[in-house]
Amino acid sequence: MADIDAFVQAEADSLVTELSEWCAIPSISSDPEHSADVRRSAEHLAGLLEAAGLDTEVLAVGGGQPAVYAEWLGAGAEAPTVTVYGHHDVQPADPLDQWTTPPFVPTVRDGCLYARGASDDKGQIHFQVSAVRHLLAADGRLPVNLKFFVEGEEESGSPNIDAFLVEHAERLACDLVMVSDTGMVAEHVPSLVTAMRGLIYLQVDLRTAPADLHSGSFGGAVPNAVAELVALLAGLKDAAGRISIPGWYDDVLDLTDEERANFAALPFDPEELKAVTGVGALPGEEGFSPLERMSGRPTADVNGIWGGFTGIGSKTIIPAEAHAKVSFRLVADQDPARLEPLFERWVRDRLPEHVEVSVRSFGGVKPALTPLDHPGNRAAARAVARAFGKEPLFNREGGSGPERALSDALGAACVYLGVMLPEDRIHAPNERLLLANYYRGVRAAAYAFEEFAMPEVAAALRTPVR
């Protein structure tokens, strides 16, 4: 294979310049005023992929923001087909006054590129494009058949991705999905994500009377909607920190011994976490470390609660209604469609008959998991070890994304090759990309394509693996 190390050393500055030009485009998908910028970002990426040697197209996504598709299919039938997934849209840059340099004026300082999207996710897609460009220029071919699917709505919740995957499933078909939208636990501790948690988001609305009542005239004789809701939510977890809804853990796939050993080997200081978050304790499910609870176990959180009088001064009422937003993070093999009815049944069973209640769903995301011993994970681990000079550990991501939708639609497992770091301040002012990690990412991507093409890996990838 072409000398990827020599390429990175010779082209380091030009690679950063090219990435900076892309990061200068404010492709904020959540802001309609930036719709033209999101399209401009898609067209810019299409140009980069075309220049790298791939057949490229900007595709409409329903009524949403454009995605970019690209392919190179010259490796032959015996080679596996890999689809690289990521996104070219970015988060809003607010608050602007907290940026040291403007978010869309990419700036290099202290070995980092500072810009919105530098890590999440333009920098991570760009290292894939850079690796492909060099391999095709040097060798005239790639070790694998390769496709890119880079969406423009991930930072807006990927509202159209299911429809897009249905429409373009045949075009995106592959043996493995390589996701470049995750990170590593530390610069000198290379790691690979193996799972993403799922999500359910619900709203509970309670009513105990047609209107608020005077607390002096009726206090002591009528129900209080806020009090009823608080009592309900107080029972969401038991004394051991477990979600108390019957049946909630029935489908949970427990962490394996190897996964728990990986968690234990990751650098983690509970006191540092408390200092960073500003909290005084780290409560949670008994029997699991904070790291395990943050990414490998189900969670329940009250995201907001309101009702009654909250204005200036006093108003002596008994609230007639109360509301709460509640979210659950899910792990393999939990299914939002099965769990939402369990929550609603639990709510109704715990409330007295005199309380009117409704439960509204804001949708769910299925969790994704690729077992540690999957041939794609093992091959990616070898690639990262070559690029970073150190064997990687495995980790899970606590957040949620469209990875399970990709895996289900394409019938292929997801492998996660990302290099962003916890201190890269994604979604926050002064987002950055450590350039040393970016260069390692270029190398890791090239090595991953080579590892995926090894005969034993290629054969295993073409055989469905659970």
Protein backbone atom coordinates (compact mmCIF):
# COMPACT_ATOMS: atom_id res chain seq x y z
CA MET A 1 0.00 0.00 0.00
CA ALA A 2 1.09 3.60 -0.62
CA ASP A 3 3.24 5.25 2.05
CA ILE A 4 0.57 7.10 4.02
CA ASP A 5 3.11 8.36 6.57
CA ALA A 6 5.13 10.13 3.90
CA PHE A 7 1.96 11.66 2.49
CA VAL A 8 0.89 13.06 5.86
CA GLN A 9 4.34 14.49 6.55
CA ALA A 10 4.61 16.11 3.12
CA GLU A 11 1.05 17.42 2.90
CA ALA A 12 0.32 18.31 6.54
CA ASP A 13 -0.04 22.06 6.00
CA SER A 14 -2.09 21.75 2.81
CA LEU A 15 -4.46 19.29 4.47
CA VAL A 16 -5.16 21.77 7.26
CA THR A 17 -5.65 24.58 4.74
CA GLU A 18 -8.14 22.47 2.80
CA LEU A 19 -10.06 21.53 5.95
CA SER A 20 -10.07 25.16 7.08
CA GLU A 21 -11.71 26.26 3.83
CA TRP A 22 -14.54 23.80 4.47
CA CYS A 23 -14.90 24.78 8.13
CA ALA A 24 -15.30 28.42 7.08
CA ILE A 25 -18.76 27.56 5.69
CA PRO A 26 -21.38 28.06 8.47
CA SER A 27 -23.47 24.97 7.68
CA ILE A 28 -25.86 25.29 10.65
CA SER A 29 -28.71 22.94 9.79
CA SER A 30 -31.00 24.04 12.64
CA ASP A 31 -31.15 27.64 11.40
CA PRO A 32 -33.24 28.20 8.24
CA GLU A 33 -31.19 31.32 7.50
CA HIS A 34 -28.20 29.05 6.88
CA SER A 35 -29.92 26.66 4.44
CA ALA A 36 -27.87 28.04 1.55
CA ASP A 37 -24.70 27.52 3.61
CA VAL A 38 -25.59 23.89 4.28
CA ARG A 39 -26.01 23.34 0.54
CA ARG A 40 -22.73 25.16 -0.10
CA SER A 41 -21.04 22.86 2.43
CA ALA A 42 -22.47 19.80 0.67
CA GLU A 43 -21.26 21.05 -2.71
CA HIS A 44 -17.83 21.84 -1.25
CA LEU A 45 -17.51 18.32 0.13
CA ALA A 46 -18.69 16.87 -3.17
CA GLY A 47 -15.87 18.76 -4.84
CA LEU A 48 -13.33 17.31 -2.40
CA LEU A 49 -14.59 13.77 -2.99
CA GLU A 50 -14.63 14.27 -6.75
CA ALA A 51 -11.06 15.55 -6.64
CA ALA A 52 -10.09 12.50 -4.58
CA GLY A 53 -11.27 10.24 -7.40
CA LEU A 54 -14.80 9.21 -6.39
CA ASP A 55 -18.03 9.50 -8.36
CA THR A 56 -20.03 12.00 -6.33
CA GLU A 57 -23.56 13.37 -6.11
CA VAL A 58 -25.38 15.83 -3.86
CA LEU A 59 -28.71 14.25 -2.96
CA ALA A 60 -31.91 15.84 -1.68
CA VAL A 61 -33.28 14.51 1.62
CA GLY A 62 -37.05 14.95 1.45
CA GLY A 63 -37.69 18.57 2.27
CA GLY A 64 -34.55 18.76 4.37
CA GLN A 65 -30.88 19.55 3.93
CA PRO A 66 -28.75 17.86 1.24
CA ALA A 67 -26.57 14.83 1.79
CA VAL A 68 -23.46 13.86 -0.16
CA TYR A 69 -23.02 10.44 -1.72
CA ALA A 70 -19.80 9.19 -3.30
CA GLU A 71 -18.47 5.83 -4.45
CA TRP A 72 -15.43 4.01 -5.77
CA LEU A 73 -16.25 0.40 -6.63
CA GLY A 74 -13.14 -0.84 -8.39
CA ALA A 75 -11.81 -3.30 -5.80
CA GLY A 76 -13.69 -6.29 -7.19
CA ALA A 77 -16.31 -8.72 -5.94
CA GLU A 78 -14.00 -10.42 -3.44
CA ALA A 79 -13.28 -7.19 -1.59
CA PRO A 80 -15.75 -5.95 1.03
CA THR A 81 -17.80 -2.81 0.50
CA VAL A 82 -17.51 -0.16 3.23
CA THR A 83 -19.80 2.86 3.64
CA VAL A 84 -18.28 5.80 5.53
CA TYR A 85 -20.92 7.75 7.46
CA GLY A 86 -20.66 11.24 8.95
CA HIS A 87 -22.25 14.68 8.69
CA HIS A 88 -21.28 18.05 7.25
CA ASP A 89 -23.72 20.22 9.20
CA VAL A 90 -22.66 21.91 12.42
CA GLN A 91 -24.08 23.25 15.65
CA PRO A 92 -24.89 26.95 16.13
CA ALA A 93 -21.88 28.94 17.35
CA ASP A 94 -23.61 30.85 20.17
CA PRO A 95 -22.51 32.46 22.42
CA LEU A 96 -20.20 34.25 20.01
CA ASP A 97 -18.54 36.41 22.66
CA GLN A 98 -17.00 33.32 24.26
CA TRP A 99 -14.94 32.42 21.19
CA THR A 100 -11.30 33.49 21.27
CA THR A 101 -11.32 33.69 17.47
CA PRO A 102 -14.46 33.77 15.26
CA PRO A 103 -16.06 30.32 14.86
CA PHE A 104 -16.05 30.44 11.06
CA VAL A 105 -12.60 31.95 10.72
CA PRO A 106 -10.59 28.75 11.23
CA THR A 107 -7.43 29.44 13.21
CA VAL A 108 -4.45 27.25 14.08
CA ARG A 109 -2.87 27.78 17.47
CA ASP A 110 -1.11 25.52 19.99
CA GLY A 111 -1.26 22.55 17.64
CA CYS A 112 -5.03 22.72 17.18
CA LEU A 113 -7.44 23.96 14.52
CA TYR A 114 -10.14 26.11 16.15
CA ALA A 115 -13.45 26.37 14.27
CA ARG A 116 -17.03 25.23 14.53
CA GLY A 117 -17.11 21.78 12.94
CA ALA A 118 -13.37 21.20 13.23
CA SER A 119 -13.97 18.03 15.25
CA ASP A 120 -17.71 17.56 14.86
CA ASP A 121 -17.73 16.44 12.15
CA LYS A 122 -15.91 18.01 9.23
CA GLY A 123 -12.43 17.19 10.49
CA GLN A 124 -13.31 13.52 10.89
CA ILE A 125 -14.83 13.20 7.43
CA HIS A 126 -11.91 15.11 5.97
CA PHE A 127 -9.32 12.68 7.31
CA GLN A 128 -11.21 9.89 5.52
CA VAL A 129 -11.27 11.88 2.27
CA SER A 130 -7.56 12.70 2.62
CA ALA A 131 -6.65 9.03 3.06
CA VAL A 132 -8.71 8.02 0.03
CA ARG A 133 -7.25 10.77 -2.14
CA HIS A 134 -3.71 9.67 -1.40
CA LEU A 135 -4.36 5.96 -1.89
CA LEU A 136 -6.03 6.51 -5.25
CA ALA A 137 -3.33 8.93 -6.40
CA ALA A 138 -0.49 6.64 -5.33
CA ASP A 139 -1.91 3.18 -6.09
CA GLY A 140 -4.69 3.89 -8.57
CA ARG A 141 -7.02 1.77 -6.47
CA LEU A 142 -8.36 1.14 -2.97
CA PRO A 143 -8.20 -2.12 -1.01
CA VAL A 144 -12.01 -2.05 -0.57
CA ASN A 145 -15.05 -0.88 -2.46
CA LEU A 146 -15.90 2.40 -0.80
CA LYS A 147 -18.96 4.60 -0.43
CA PHE A 148 -19.56 7.84 1.47
CA PHE A 149 -22.86 8.94 2.97
CA VAL A 150 -22.44 12.35 4.63
CA GLU A 151 -25.72 13.86 5.79
CA GLY A 152 -26.59 17.48 6.41
CA GLU A 153 -29.11 17.13 9.24
CA GLU A 154 -27.41 15.19 12.04
CA GLU A 155 -27.19 18.24 14.30
CA SER A 156 -30.95 18.68 13.80
CA GLY A 157 -31.76 15.11 14.84
CA SER A 158 -31.56 13.47 11.39
CA PRO A 159 -35.33 13.91 10.83
CA ASN A 160 -35.27 12.58 7.26
CA ILE A 161 -32.69 9.84 7.50
CA ASP A 162 -35.15 6.92 7.67
CA ALA A 163 -36.86 8.01 4.45
CA PHE A 164 -33.49 8.64 2.82
CA LEU A 165 -32.24 5.17 3.73
CA VAL A 166 -35.36 3.55 2.33
CA GLU A 167 -35.02 5.48 -0.93
CA HIS A 168 -31.28 4.88 -1.32
CA ALA A 169 -30.80 1.53 0.44
CA GLU A 170 -29.60 -0.26 -2.70
CA ARG A 171 -27.13 2.48 -3.53
CA LEU A 172 -25.74 2.52 0.05
CA ALA A 173 -25.63 -1.28 0.41
CA CYS A 174 -22.42 -2.47 2.05
CA ASP A 175 -20.77 -5.08 4.24
CA LEU A 176 -19.68 -2.61 6.93
CA VAL A 177 -20.52 0.94 7.99
CA MET A 178 -17.57 2.98 9.24
CA VAL A 179 -18.77 5.87 11.41
CA SER A 180 -16.47 8.85 11.86
CA ASP A 181 -18.46 10.89 14.36
CA THR A 182 -17.11 9.69 17.69
CA GLY A 183 -14.00 10.19 19.77
CA MET A 184 -11.31 8.77 21.99
CA VAL A 185 -11.01 9.03 25.74
CA ALA A 186 -7.62 10.79 25.71
CA GLU A 187 -4.85 11.80 23.31
CA HIS A 188 -2.49 9.12 24.55
CA VAL A 189 -5.18 6.50 25.16
CA PRO A 190 -6.50 5.48 21.74
CA SER A 191 -9.92 3.88 21.95
CA LEU A 192 -12.73 2.66 19.75
CA VAL A 193 -16.43 3.14 20.42
CA THR A 194 -18.50 -0.03 20.05
CA ALA A 195 -21.99 1.15 20.99
CA MET A 196 -24.37 4.10 20.98
CA ARG A 197 -27.24 4.37 23.43
CA GLY A 198 -30.83 4.72 22.30
CA LEU A 199 -33.29 7.35 23.47
CA ILE A 200 -36.92 7.87 24.44
CA TYR A 201 -38.28 11.36 25.11
CA LEU A 202 -41.71 11.85 26.68
CA GLN A 203 -43.91 14.48 28.27
CA VAL A 204 -46.28 13.85 31.16
CA ASP A 205 -49.25 16.21 31.64
CA LEU A 206 -51.36 16.04 34.83
CA ARG A 207 -54.61 17.78 35.76
CA THR A 208 -56.44 17.64 39.09
CA ALA A 209 -59.05 20.41 38.64
CA PRO A 210 -60.51 22.64 35.90
CA ALA A 211 -58.57 25.64 37.25
CA ASP A 212 -56.13 26.66 40.02
CA LEU A 213 -57.77 26.90 43.46
CA HIS A 214 -57.25 29.25 46.41
CA SER A 215 -54.97 27.54 48.92
CA GLY A 216 -56.64 29.25 51.87
CA SER A 217 -60.17 28.29 50.89
CA PHE A 218 -59.47 24.77 49.65
CA GLY A 219 -56.07 23.75 51.02
CA GLY A 220 -56.20 20.44 52.88
CA ALA A 221 -59.21 19.16 50.96
CA VAL A 222 -58.26 19.10 47.25
CA PRO A 223 -55.40 17.48 45.31
CA ASN A 224 -52.36 19.45 44.15
CA ALA A 225 -51.20 18.65 40.59
CA VAL A 226 -47.57 19.62 41.21
CA ALA A 227 -47.42 17.52 44.37
CA GLU A 228 -48.93 14.54 42.54
CA LEU A 229 -46.34 14.85 39.75
CA VAL A 230 -43.42 15.23 42.14
CA ALA A 231 -44.50 12.13 44.05
CA LEU A 232 -44.80 10.22 40.80
CA LEU A 233 -41.36 11.17 39.53
CA ALA A 234 -39.74 10.52 42.90
CA GLY A 235 -40.55 6.85 42.38
CA LEU A 236 -38.88 6.61 38.97
CA LYS A 237 -35.82 4.94 40.51
CA ASP A 238 -35.47 2.62 43.47
CA ALA A 239 -33.02 2.88 46.37
CA ALA A 240 -30.38 1.02 44.34
CA GLY A 241 -30.55 3.56 41.49
CA ARG A 242 -32.39 1.23 39.12
CA ILE A 243 -35.35 2.32 37.02
CA SER A 244 -38.38 1.00 38.87
CA ILE A 245 -40.68 0.49 35.87
CA PRO A 246 -41.59 -3.23 35.68
CA GLY A 247 -40.03 -4.98 32.70
CA TRP A 248 -37.59 -2.17 31.91
CA TYR A 249 -34.48 -4.39 32.14
CA ASP A 250 -35.98 -7.50 30.53
CA ASP A 251 -34.14 -7.00 27.23
CA VAL A 252 -30.96 -5.34 28.48
CA LEU A 253 -27.85 -7.01 27.08
CA ASP A 254 -25.42 -7.04 29.99
CA LEU A 255 -21.85 -5.82 29.70
CA THR A 256 -19.41 -8.65 29.02
CA ASP A 257 -16.41 -9.34 31.22
CA GLU A 258 -14.11 -8.02 28.46
CA GLU A 259 -16.12 -4.80 28.19
CA ARG A 260 -16.00 -4.26 31.94
CA ALA A 261 -12.25 -4.88 31.88
CA ASN A 262 -11.93 -2.22 29.15
CA PHE A 263 -13.96 0.24 31.22
CA ALA A 264 -11.74 -0.43 34.23
CA ALA A 265 -8.61 0.17 32.13
CA LEU A 266 -9.78 3.56 30.82
CA PRO A 267 -8.30 6.61 32.56
CA PHE A 268 -10.95 7.94 34.92
CA ASP A 269 -10.83 9.99 38.10
CA PRO A 270 -14.20 10.39 39.88
CA GLU A 271 -12.95 13.51 41.66
CA GLU A 272 -11.94 15.07 38.35
CA LEU A 273 -15.41 14.35 36.93
CA LYS A 274 -17.00 16.04 39.92
CA ALA A 275 -14.72 19.02 39.50
CA VAL A 276 -15.42 19.33 35.76
CA THR A 277 -19.19 19.06 36.17
CA GLY A 278 -19.38 21.04 39.40
CA VAL A 279 -21.37 18.36 41.23
CA GLY A 280 -20.86 17.07 44.75
CA ALA A 281 -21.58 13.39 44.19
CA LEU A 282 -21.85 10.73 41.47
CA PRO A 283 -25.04 8.80 42.29
CA GLY A 284 -26.33 6.02 40.09
CA GLU A 285 -27.06 2.34 39.68
CA GLU A 286 -25.36 0.21 42.31
CA GLY A 287 -22.79 -2.32 41.10
CA PHE A 288 -21.55 -0.24 38.17
CA SER A 289 -18.81 2.34 37.88
CA PRO A 290 -19.65 5.91 36.78
CA LEU A 291 -18.10 5.20 33.37
CA GLU A 292 -20.24 2.11 32.93
CA ARG A 293 -23.37 3.97 34.03
CA MET A 294 -22.68 6.86 31.63
CA SER A 295 -22.57 4.72 28.50
CA GLY A 296 -23.32 1.06 29.15
CA ARG A 297 -26.45 1.11 31.30
CA PRO A 298 -30.03 2.44 30.93
CA THR A 299 -30.78 5.81 32.49
CA ALA A 300 -33.84 7.89 33.38
CA ASP A 301 -33.76 11.67 33.73
CA VAL A 302 -36.30 14.38 34.47
CA ASN A 303 -35.34 17.06 31.95
CA GLY A 304 -37.84 19.68 33.07
CA ILE A 305 -40.84 20.18 35.35
CA TRP A 306 -43.29 23.06 35.58
CA GLY A 307 -46.69 24.02 36.95
CA GLY A 308 -48.40 26.39 39.33
CA PHE A 309 -47.14 29.90 40.04
CA THR A 310 -43.49 30.74 39.30
CA GLY A 311 -43.65 34.51 38.88
CA ILE A 312 -42.32 37.32 41.05
CA GLY A 313 -43.81 37.58 44.51
CA SER A 314 -46.44 35.22 45.91
CA LYS A 315 -49.69 33.76 44.71
CA THR A 316 -51.35 31.33 47.07
CA ILE A 317 -52.84 28.74 44.76
CA ILE A 318 -53.21 24.99 44.51
CA PRO A 319 -52.05 24.18 40.96
CA ALA A 320 -54.57 22.44 38.74
CA GLU A 321 -52.01 21.16 36.26
CA ALA A 322 -48.37 20.10 36.13
CA HIS A 323 -46.01 18.92 33.41
CA ALA A 324 -42.68 17.16 33.06
CA LYS A 325 -40.26 16.17 30.32
CA VAL A 326 -38.66 12.78 30.89
CA SER A 327 -35.98 11.03 28.85
CA PHE A 328 -34.50 7.54 28.95
CA ARG A 329 -31.21 6.38 27.48
CA LEU A 330 -31.38 2.79 26.25
CA VAL A 331 -28.82 0.07 25.70
CA ALA A 332 -28.83 -3.03 23.51
CA ASP A 333 -31.28 -4.78 23.07
CA GLN A 334 -33.92 -2.35 24.38
CA ASP A 335 -36.61 -1.19 21.94
CA PRO A 336 -38.35 2.19 22.28
CA ALA A 337 -41.57 0.76 20.82
CA ARG A 338 -41.79 -1.78 23.65
CA LEU A 339 -40.69 0.53 26.45
CA GLU A 340 -42.90 3.56 25.82
CA PRO A 341 -46.11 1.64 26.72
CA LEU A 342 -44.39 0.32 29.86
CA PHE A 343 -43.73 3.88 31.01
CA GLU A 344 -47.29 5.02 30.31
CA ARG A 345 -48.72 2.00 32.15
CA TRP A 346 -46.43 2.71 35.12
CA VAL A 347 -47.59 6.34 35.20
CA ARG A 348 -51.28 5.43 35.11
CA ASP A 349 -50.91 2.64 37.68
CA ARG A 350 -49.22 4.97 40.18
CA LEU A 351 -51.61 7.90 39.95
CA PRO A 352 -54.93 8.09 41.82
CA GLU A 353 -58.13 7.92 39.78
CA HIS A 354 -58.90 11.59 40.42
CA VAL A 355 -55.81 12.66 38.44
CA GLU A 356 -56.18 13.08 34.68
CA VAL A 357 -52.98 12.22 32.83
CA SER A 358 -51.67 12.09 29.30
CA VAL A 359 -48.29 10.87 28.08
CA ARG A 360 -46.87 12.20 24.82
CA SER A 361 -43.93 10.74 22.94
CA PHE A 362 -41.42 12.80 21.01
CA GLY A 363 -39.99 9.75 19.28
CA GLY A 364 -37.30 7.23 20.01
CA VAL A 365 -33.93 6.06 18.78
CA LYS A 366 -32.82 2.44 18.97
CA PRO A 367 -29.47 1.64 20.61
CA ALA A 368 -26.62 0.32 18.47
CA LEU A 369 -24.03 -2.25 19.48
CA THR A 370 -21.23 -3.99 17.61
CA PRO A 371 -19.69 -6.75 19.76
CA LEU A 372 -16.02 -6.41 20.62
CA ASP A 373 -15.18 -9.64 18.77
CA HIS A 374 -16.83 -8.54 15.52
CA PRO A 375 -14.25 -8.85 12.72
CA GLY A 376 -14.76 -5.18 11.81
CA ASN A 377 -13.92 -4.08 15.34
CA ARG A 378 -10.84 -6.26 15.50
CA ALA A 379 -9.63 -4.98 12.12
CA ALA A 380 -10.25 -1.35 13.11
CA ALA A 381 -8.36 -1.93 16.36
CA ARG A 382 -5.33 -3.16 14.41
CA ALA A 383 -5.50 -0.07 12.19
CA VAL A 384 -5.65 2.28 15.18
CA ALA A 385 -2.75 0.45 16.84
CA ARG A 386 -0.65 1.00 13.70
CA ALA A 387 -1.57 4.69 13.49
CA PHE A 388 -1.21 5.53 17.19
CA GLY A 389 1.60 3.14 18.07
CA LYS A 390 -0.44 1.70 20.92
CA GLU A 391 -3.13 -0.93 21.30
CA PRO A 392 -6.53 0.74 21.67
CA LEU A 393 -9.11 0.10 24.33
CA PHE A 394 -12.83 -0.23 23.65
CA ASN A 395 -15.44 2.15 24.97
CA ARG A 396 -19.15 2.93 24.58
CA GLU A 397 -20.75 6.25 23.66
CA GLY A 398 -23.42 7.50 26.05
CA GLY A 399 -25.20 9.64 23.47
CA SER A 400 -27.59 8.65 20.70
CA GLY A 401 -27.51 8.96 16.93
CA PRO A 402 -28.73 7.41 13.68
CA GLU A 403 -26.24 4.54 13.68
CA ARG A 404 -28.81 1.84 14.45
CA ALA A 405 -31.02 3.15 11.64
CA LEU A 406 -28.04 2.81 9.29
CA SER A 407 -27.23 -0.68 10.49
CA ASP A 408 -30.83 -1.89 10.19
CA ALA A 409 -31.43 -0.34 6.78
CA LEU A 410 -28.17 -1.58 5.25
CA GLY A 411 -27.89 -4.91 7.07
CA ALA A 412 -24.34 -4.11 8.14
CA ALA A 413 -22.61 -3.56 11.47
CA CYS A 414 -21.15 -0.19 12.44
CA VAL A 415 -17.48 0.29 13.29
CA TYR A 416 -16.54 3.63 14.85
CA LEU A 417 -13.31 5.35 13.83
CA GLY A 418 -13.20 8.77 15.45
CA VAL A 419 -10.39 10.89 16.90
CA MET A 420 -12.11 13.79 18.69
CA LEU A 421 -11.17 14.27 22.33
CA PRO A 422 -13.22 15.19 25.43
CA GLU A 423 -11.46 18.56 25.60
CA ASP A 424 -12.28 19.43 21.96
CA ARG A 425 -15.35 21.39 23.15
CA ILE A 426 -17.76 20.11 20.53
CA HIS A 427 -21.10 22.01 20.60
CA ALA A 428 -19.39 24.69 22.72
CA PRO A 429 -17.38 27.85 22.07
CA ASN A 430 -13.77 27.30 20.97
CA GLU A 431 -14.37 23.92 19.37
CA ARG A 432 -11.04 22.53 18.24
CA LEU A 433 -9.33 19.60 16.55
CA LEU A 434 -5.97 18.39 17.80
CA LEU A 435 -3.97 18.25 14.57
CA ALA A 436 -1.74 15.42 15.80
CA ASN A 437 -4.88 13.32 16.16
CA TYR A 438 -6.15 14.43 12.76
CA TYR A 439 -2.94 13.19 11.12
CA ARG A 440 -3.23 9.92 13.01
CA GLY A 441 -6.81 9.71 11.73
CA VAL A 442 -5.61 9.95 8.12
CA ARG A 443 -3.22 7.08 8.79
CA ALA A 444 -5.81 5.03 10.69
CA ALA A 445 -8.36 5.36 7.87
CA ALA A 446 -5.86 4.14 5.28
CA TYR A 447 -4.79 1.25 7.49
CA ALA A 448 -8.44 0.36 8.22
CA PHE A 449 -9.21 -0.05 4.51
CA GLU A 450 -6.21 -2.35 4.24
CA GLU A 451 -7.23 -4.37 7.30
CA PHE A 452 -10.83 -4.74 6.10
CA ALA A 453 -9.51 -6.15 2.82
CA MET A 454 -7.49 -8.95 4.46
CA PRO A 455 -8.96 -12.21 3.07
CA GLU A 456 -10.13 -13.60 6.40
CA VAL A 457 -11.74 -10.28 7.40
CA ALA A 458 -13.31 -9.74 3.99
CA ALA A 459 -14.84 -13.22 4.07
CA ALA A 460 -16.19 -12.68 7.58
CA LEU A 461 -17.66 -9.27 6.71
CA ARG A 462 -19.56 -10.73 3.80
CA THR A 463 -21.12 -13.27 6.18
CA PRO A 464 -23.77 -11.75 8.49
CA VAL A 465 -22.39 -11.59 12.03
CA ARG A 466 -24.43 -10.88 15.17
